[in-house]
Amino acid sequence: MFRAALANPISADETARIVRNIIESATWQLRHPSGADAGAFLGWRAGMNDEQWINWSAQEDDAWYDQVQREFGLNARQYVKGAGAADRS
């Protein structure tokens, strides 16, 4: 899924601005979303408990890829050789 997201990466300048802001703010915030889809993904993840997250991640390959397509509009299959569970990164 992350390989597929890299098809439209954010710029190094945007990432640098985020990192600089983290350093200068001395924040203790755990996550700092960067890129157009990061906030939406974190919001999606926050909408489920740990058991649901584990169950989502443990689906059979076809079901997992289908759900990624439905929920994110992302065809992750095309970026993974063999499209096996071990390749989901």
N, C-alpha and C. Protein backbone atom coordinates (compact mmCIF):
# COMPACT_ATOMS: atom_id res chain seq x y z
N MET A 1 0.83 -1.17 0.00
CA MET A 1 0.00 0.00 0.00
C MET A 1 0.88 1.25 0.00
N PHE A 2 1.97 1.21 0.75
CA PHE A 2 2.84 2.37 0.80
C PHE A 2 3.61 2.55 -0.50
N ARG A 3 3.96 1.44 -1.13
CA ARG A 3 4.61 1.55 -2.44
C ARG A 3 3.67 2.23 -3.44
N ALA A 4 2.41 1.89 -3.39
CA ALA A 4 1.43 2.50 -4.28
C ALA A 4 1.30 3.99 -3.99
N ALA A 5 1.32 4.36 -2.73
CA ALA A 5 1.21 5.77 -2.36
C ALA A 5 2.42 6.56 -2.85
N LEU A 6 3.55 5.91 -3.00
CA LEU A 6 4.75 6.60 -3.48
C LEU A 6 4.66 6.99 -4.95
N ALA A 7 3.64 6.54 -5.64
CA ALA A 7 3.46 6.94 -7.03
C ALA A 7 3.22 8.44 -7.14
N ASN A 8 2.73 9.06 -6.06
CA ASN A 8 2.50 10.50 -6.00
C ASN A 8 3.11 11.06 -4.71
N PRO A 9 4.44 11.05 -4.62
CA PRO A 9 5.08 11.46 -3.36
C PRO A 9 4.99 12.97 -3.15
N ILE A 10 5.11 13.36 -1.88
CA ILE A 10 5.18 14.79 -1.60
C ILE A 10 6.60 15.24 -1.88
N SER A 11 6.79 16.54 -2.03
CA SER A 11 8.11 17.05 -2.36
C SER A 11 9.03 17.01 -1.14
N ALA A 12 10.31 16.96 -1.42
CA ALA A 12 11.30 17.00 -0.34
C ALA A 12 11.20 18.32 0.43
N ASP A 13 10.85 19.40 -0.26
CA ASP A 13 10.70 20.70 0.40
C ASP A 13 9.57 20.67 1.42
N GLU A 14 8.45 20.03 1.06
CA GLU A 14 7.33 19.94 2.00
C GLU A 14 7.72 19.12 3.22
N THR A 15 8.40 18.01 3.00
CA THR A 15 8.86 17.17 4.10
C THR A 15 9.82 17.95 4.99
N ALA A 16 10.73 18.69 4.38
CA ALA A 16 11.69 19.48 5.15
C ALA A 16 10.98 20.53 6.00
N ARG A 17 9.94 21.17 5.46
CA ARG A 17 9.18 22.17 6.24
C ARG A 17 8.53 21.51 7.47
N ILE A 18 8.00 20.32 7.28
CA ILE A 18 7.36 19.61 8.39
C ILE A 18 8.39 19.25 9.45
N VAL A 19 9.53 18.72 9.03
CA VAL A 19 10.59 18.35 9.98
C VAL A 19 11.09 19.58 10.72
N ARG A 20 11.30 20.67 10.00
CA ARG A 20 11.77 21.91 10.65
C ARG A 20 10.75 22.39 11.69
N ASN A 21 9.47 22.33 11.34
CA ASN A 21 8.43 22.75 12.27
C ASN A 21 8.44 21.87 13.52
N ILE A 22 8.66 20.58 13.36
CA ILE A 22 8.73 19.67 14.51
C ILE A 22 9.89 20.07 15.42
N ILE A 23 11.04 20.30 14.82
CA ILE A 23 12.22 20.65 15.61
C ILE A 23 12.03 21.98 16.32
N GLU A 24 11.55 22.98 15.60
CA GLU A 24 11.43 24.32 16.18
C GLU A 24 10.31 24.42 17.20
N SER A 25 9.29 23.58 17.09
CA SER A 25 8.16 23.67 18.01
C SER A 25 8.39 22.91 19.31
N ALA A 26 9.36 21.99 19.32
CA ALA A 26 9.64 21.15 20.48
C ALA A 26 8.38 20.40 20.93
N THR A 27 7.57 20.03 20.00
CA THR A 27 6.32 19.33 20.29
C THR A 27 6.58 17.89 20.73
N TRP A 28 5.65 17.36 21.49
CA TRP A 28 5.68 15.95 21.89
C TRP A 28 4.64 15.16 21.10
N GLN A 29 4.04 15.78 20.10
CA GLN A 29 3.05 15.10 19.26
C GLN A 29 3.70 13.90 18.61
N LEU A 30 3.00 12.77 18.60
CA LEU A 30 3.56 11.52 18.08
C LEU A 30 3.60 11.50 16.55
N ARG A 31 2.52 11.90 15.90
CA ARG A 31 2.45 11.80 14.44
C ARG A 31 2.33 13.18 13.83
N HIS A 32 3.00 13.34 12.69
CA HIS A 32 2.98 14.60 11.95
C HIS A 32 2.68 14.26 10.48
N PRO A 33 1.42 14.28 10.11
CA PRO A 33 1.05 13.90 8.74
C PRO A 33 1.72 14.78 7.70
N SER A 34 2.14 14.16 6.62
CA SER A 34 2.67 14.91 5.49
C SER A 34 2.11 14.29 4.22
N GLY A 35 1.74 15.12 3.31
CA GLY A 35 1.13 14.66 2.07
C GLY A 35 -0.37 14.73 2.14
N ALA A 36 -0.98 14.79 0.99
CA ALA A 36 -2.43 15.00 0.88
C ALA A 36 -3.25 13.89 1.52
N ASP A 37 -2.76 12.67 1.49
CA ASP A 37 -3.57 11.55 1.98
C ASP A 37 -3.23 11.12 3.41
N ALA A 38 -2.21 11.68 4.01
CA ALA A 38 -1.77 11.22 5.33
C ALA A 38 -2.81 11.47 6.41
N GLY A 39 -3.39 12.64 6.44
CA GLY A 39 -4.40 12.94 7.45
C GLY A 39 -5.60 12.03 7.34
N ALA A 40 -6.03 11.80 6.12
CA ALA A 40 -7.18 10.93 5.89
C ALA A 40 -6.87 9.50 6.34
N PHE A 41 -5.66 9.02 6.06
CA PHE A 41 -5.29 7.67 6.47
C PHE A 41 -5.26 7.56 7.99
N LEU A 42 -4.65 8.55 8.67
CA LEU A 42 -4.59 8.50 10.12
C LEU A 42 -5.99 8.58 10.73
N GLY A 43 -6.87 9.36 10.13
CA GLY A 43 -8.25 9.43 10.60
C GLY A 43 -8.96 8.10 10.42
N TRP A 44 -8.72 7.45 9.29
CA TRP A 44 -9.30 6.13 9.02
C TRP A 44 -8.82 5.13 10.07
N ARG A 45 -7.53 5.13 10.33
CA ARG A 45 -6.96 4.19 11.31
C ARG A 45 -7.51 4.46 12.71
N ALA A 46 -7.66 5.73 13.06
CA ALA A 46 -8.16 6.09 14.39
C ALA A 46 -9.61 5.65 14.59
N GLY A 47 -10.31 5.35 13.49
CA GLY A 47 -11.70 4.93 13.57
C GLY A 47 -11.89 3.46 13.89
N MET A 48 -10.79 2.75 14.18
CA MET A 48 -10.92 1.34 14.52
C MET A 48 -10.06 1.02 15.73
N ASN A 49 -10.45 0.00 16.45
CA ASN A 49 -9.64 -0.41 17.60
C ASN A 49 -8.52 -1.35 17.12
N ASP A 50 -7.65 -1.73 18.03
CA ASP A 50 -6.51 -2.57 17.66
C ASP A 50 -6.93 -3.91 17.08
N GLU A 51 -7.97 -4.51 17.63
CA GLU A 51 -8.44 -5.80 17.12
C GLU A 51 -8.93 -5.66 15.68
N GLN A 52 -9.65 -4.61 15.38
CA GLN A 52 -10.12 -4.38 14.02
C GLN A 52 -8.94 -4.16 13.07
N TRP A 53 -7.93 -3.42 13.53
CA TRP A 53 -6.74 -3.17 12.71
C TRP A 53 -6.02 -4.49 12.40
N ILE A 54 -5.88 -5.33 13.40
CA ILE A 54 -5.21 -6.62 13.20
C ILE A 54 -6.03 -7.47 12.23
N ASN A 55 -7.35 -7.52 12.40
CA ASN A 55 -8.20 -8.28 11.49
C ASN A 55 -8.13 -7.75 10.07
N TRP A 56 -8.07 -6.44 9.92
CA TRP A 56 -7.97 -5.85 8.58
C TRP A 56 -6.65 -6.26 7.93
N SER A 57 -5.60 -6.22 8.71
CA SER A 57 -4.27 -6.56 8.17
C SER A 57 -4.12 -8.05 7.88
N ALA A 58 -4.91 -8.89 8.54
CA ALA A 58 -4.77 -10.34 8.42
C ALA A 58 -5.69 -10.95 7.37
N GLN A 59 -6.39 -10.14 6.63
CA GLN A 59 -7.31 -10.67 5.61
C GLN A 59 -6.54 -11.45 4.54
N GLU A 60 -7.25 -12.33 3.87
CA GLU A 60 -6.68 -12.99 2.70
C GLU A 60 -6.30 -11.91 1.68
N ASP A 61 -5.29 -12.19 0.87
CA ASP A 61 -4.77 -11.18 -0.04
C ASP A 61 -5.83 -10.51 -0.90
N ASP A 62 -6.66 -11.30 -1.58
CA ASP A 62 -7.66 -10.70 -2.47
C ASP A 62 -8.61 -9.78 -1.72
N ALA A 63 -9.05 -10.19 -0.54
CA ALA A 63 -9.96 -9.36 0.25
C ALA A 63 -9.26 -8.08 0.69
N TRP A 64 -8.00 -8.18 1.08
CA TRP A 64 -7.24 -7.01 1.52
C TRP A 64 -7.08 -6.01 0.38
N TYR A 65 -6.64 -6.51 -0.78
CA TYR A 65 -6.46 -5.62 -1.93
C TYR A 65 -7.78 -5.00 -2.36
N ASP A 66 -8.85 -5.76 -2.33
CA ASP A 66 -10.17 -5.22 -2.69
C ASP A 66 -10.59 -4.12 -1.73
N GLN A 67 -10.34 -4.32 -0.44
CA GLN A 67 -10.72 -3.31 0.54
C GLN A 67 -9.88 -2.05 0.39
N VAL A 68 -8.61 -2.19 0.12
CA VAL A 68 -7.75 -1.02 -0.12
C VAL A 68 -8.28 -0.24 -1.32
N GLN A 69 -8.68 -0.95 -2.36
CA GLN A 69 -9.25 -0.30 -3.54
C GLN A 69 -10.53 0.45 -3.18
N ARG A 70 -11.42 -0.20 -2.43
CA ARG A 70 -12.70 0.44 -2.06
C ARG A 70 -12.50 1.64 -1.14
N GLU A 71 -11.69 1.47 -0.12
CA GLU A 71 -11.58 2.51 0.90
C GLU A 71 -10.65 3.65 0.54
N PHE A 72 -9.64 3.37 -0.28
CA PHE A 72 -8.67 4.40 -0.60
C PHE A 72 -8.61 4.73 -2.10
N GLY A 73 -9.32 3.95 -2.92
CA GLY A 73 -9.24 4.17 -4.36
C GLY A 73 -7.85 3.88 -4.89
N LEU A 74 -7.17 2.95 -4.25
CA LEU A 74 -5.78 2.66 -4.55
C LEU A 74 -5.63 1.22 -5.03
N ASN A 75 -5.10 1.05 -6.23
CA ASN A 75 -4.86 -0.28 -6.77
C ASN A 75 -3.47 -0.73 -6.34
N ALA A 76 -3.36 -1.25 -5.12
CA ALA A 76 -2.06 -1.65 -4.57
C ALA A 76 -1.49 -2.88 -5.27
N ARG A 77 -2.33 -3.70 -5.88
CA ARG A 77 -1.85 -4.93 -6.54
C ARG A 77 -0.80 -4.63 -7.60
N GLN A 78 -0.99 -3.57 -8.32
CA GLN A 78 -0.10 -3.29 -9.45
C GLN A 78 1.33 -2.95 -9.03
N TYR A 79 1.54 -2.66 -7.76
CA TYR A 79 2.86 -2.27 -7.28
C TYR A 79 3.60 -3.39 -6.57
N VAL A 80 2.95 -4.55 -6.43
CA VAL A 80 3.54 -5.61 -5.64
C VAL A 80 3.77 -6.84 -6.51
N LYS A 81 4.99 -7.28 -6.57
CA LYS A 81 5.31 -8.50 -7.31
C LYS A 81 4.78 -9.69 -6.53
N GLY A 82 3.97 -10.50 -7.14
CA GLY A 82 3.42 -11.68 -6.50
C GLY A 82 2.20 -11.39 -5.65
N ALA A 83 2.04 -10.15 -5.21
CA ALA A 83 0.90 -9.71 -4.41
C ALA A 83 0.58 -10.65 -3.25
N GLY A 84 1.62 -11.14 -2.58
CA GLY A 84 1.42 -12.00 -1.42
C GLY A 84 1.41 -11.19 -0.13
N ALA A 85 0.93 -11.80 0.93
CA ALA A 85 0.81 -11.11 2.22
C ALA A 85 2.18 -10.60 2.69
N ALA A 86 3.24 -11.36 2.43
CA ALA A 86 4.57 -10.92 2.86
C ALA A 86 5.05 -9.70 2.10
N ASP A 87 4.42 -9.42 0.96
CA ASP A 87 4.83 -8.29 0.13
C ASP A 87 4.06 -7.02 0.45
N ARG A 88 3.15 -7.06 1.41
CA ARG A 88 2.34 -5.89 1.73
C ARG A 88 3.16 -4.87 2.51
N SER A 89 3.87 -4.03 1.82
CA SER A 89 4.64 -2.99 2.50
C SER A 89 4.72 -1.76 1.65
